[in-house]
Amino acid sequence: MTVLGTATIRVRYAETDQMGVVYHGNYFAWFEVGRVELLRQAGWSYKTLEGDGLSLPVIEATCQYRHPARYDDELEIRTVGRMASAVRVEFTYELVRMADARVLATARTLHVPITREGRPCRLPGPLREIFA
């Protein structure tokens, strides 16, 4: 099963260069918004996960930039999560400009749950069920 989450953001002036085009590194901050909202919409949160002593660090990240996002664009982040293996969670993203439904970027991040001590571990059962 895959889980879909959506979030909406508006490009702030501080996220752009002098031409009004979004700096490429900001996309990954938006993908984090997508992940957090996906978990929240599924009934979990990063705060709960960390309270349980777990973290989900990114171990791989890729992005294909198709069209530039610009100042004041309203964007929808569409995020899909799934178990990639017993101890890996994969999220894929589409960043869509709402005014014209154009896909501006697609991306993927891979995460491994770890304990406070930094050891890989399995996700809690209910969270595994969400992504299984």
Foldseek 3Di string as FASTA:
>chain_A
DKFKFKDKDWAAQVQADPVQWGDVVVVVVVVVVRVQRSQVVVPHGQVVQVVVQKDWDWPDKDKDFDATDGHGFMWMKMKMWAAPDQFKIKIKIWIAGPVVRDTGMIMMTMTGMAGNVGHGDGGPPVVNVNRD
